[in-house]
Amino acid sequence: MRIAISILALVILAGCSTMRMTPVPDALLTCEAQPPSPKAGTQKNASLYVVDLAAAGQDCRSKLGSVRRILKDETK
């Protein structure tokens, strides 16, 4: 009798936890790679490196924001 009650309780509890999980797209889980440091020490190379570095950082922040919105929608 205890086993039957335990099984019934598990079935009831399992039915209560029906949380829908929205998958996060793989494209949002990988950030743009950090650009390699410039080999030559010119102002132009340093400037281009800084611009590329900022773009890689923005790519990652943007993707993280998208993941945050997806997960926040899950809790509503």
Protein backbone atom coordinates (compact mmCIF):
# COMPACT_ATOMS: atom_id res chain seq x y z
CA MET A 1 0.00 0.00 0.00
CA ARG A 2 2.88 2.39 0.82
CA ILE A 3 4.39 1.80 -2.60
CA ALA A 4 1.12 2.62 -4.35
CA ILE A 5 0.75 5.84 -2.33
CA SER A 6 4.37 6.78 -3.04
CA ILE A 7 3.92 6.23 -6.77
CA LEU A 8 0.69 8.24 -6.76
CA ALA A 9 2.40 11.08 -4.88
CA LEU A 10 5.29 11.11 -7.39
CA VAL A 11 2.88 11.24 -10.33
CA ILE A 12 0.99 14.14 -8.76
CA LEU A 13 4.18 16.03 -7.96
CA ALA A 14 5.61 15.45 -11.44
CA GLY A 15 2.46 16.96 -12.95
CA CYS A 16 2.95 20.15 -10.94
CA SER A 17 6.35 20.94 -12.34
CA THR A 18 5.57 21.61 -15.98
CA MET A 19 7.96 24.48 -16.64
CA ARG A 20 8.49 25.23 -20.31
CA MET A 21 12.15 25.78 -21.17
CA THR A 22 12.90 27.91 -24.22
CA PRO A 23 16.20 26.79 -25.71
CA VAL A 24 18.90 29.42 -26.10
CA PRO A 25 20.19 29.40 -29.71
CA ASP A 26 23.78 28.22 -30.08
CA ALA A 27 24.65 31.42 -31.93
CA LEU A 28 24.05 33.37 -28.70
CA LEU A 29 26.38 31.17 -26.66
CA THR A 30 29.60 32.06 -28.47
CA CYS A 31 31.19 35.49 -28.54
CA GLU A 32 33.26 36.92 -31.34
CA ALA A 33 36.91 36.08 -30.72
CA GLN A 34 39.25 38.73 -29.37
CA PRO A 35 41.35 40.04 -32.25
CA PRO A 36 45.05 39.23 -32.20
CA SER A 37 47.38 41.96 -30.99
CA PRO A 38 48.96 43.94 -33.82
CA LYS A 39 52.42 42.79 -34.86
CA ALA A 40 53.70 46.14 -36.07
CA GLY A 41 53.71 49.03 -33.62
CA THR A 42 52.15 51.69 -35.85
CA GLN A 43 49.39 54.07 -34.79
CA LYS A 44 47.17 52.72 -37.57
CA ASN A 45 47.55 49.10 -36.42
CA ALA A 46 46.90 50.05 -32.80
CA SER A 47 43.80 52.03 -33.79
CA LEU A 48 42.39 49.19 -35.89
CA TYR A 49 43.05 46.76 -33.02
CA VAL A 50 41.13 48.97 -30.58
CA VAL A 51 38.19 49.22 -32.99
CA ASP A 52 38.13 45.42 -33.52
CA LEU A 53 38.46 44.82 -29.78
CA ALA A 54 35.51 47.11 -29.07
CA ALA A 55 33.43 45.32 -31.76
CA ALA A 56 34.18 41.92 -30.19
CA GLY A 57 33.15 43.23 -26.77
CA GLN A 58 29.92 44.69 -28.15
CA ASP A 59 29.13 41.39 -29.88
CA CYS A 60 29.44 39.57 -26.57
CA ARG A 61 27.40 42.14 -24.62
CA SER A 62 24.67 42.04 -27.25
CA LYS A 63 24.46 38.23 -27.17
CA LEU A 64 24.45 38.18 -23.38
CA GLY A 65 21.58 40.69 -23.41
CA SER A 66 19.61 38.44 -25.77
CA VAL A 67 20.18 35.42 -23.54
CA ARG A 68 19.13 37.48 -20.53
CA ARG A 69 15.86 38.47 -22.28
CA ILE A 70 15.14 34.85 -23.24
CA LEU A 71 15.67 33.65 -19.69
CA LYS A 72 13.70 36.55 -18.21
CA ASP A 73 10.75 35.64 -20.47
CA GLU A 74 10.93 32.12 -19.01
CA THR A 75 10.09 33.38 -15.54
CA LYS A 76 6.95 35.27 -16.62
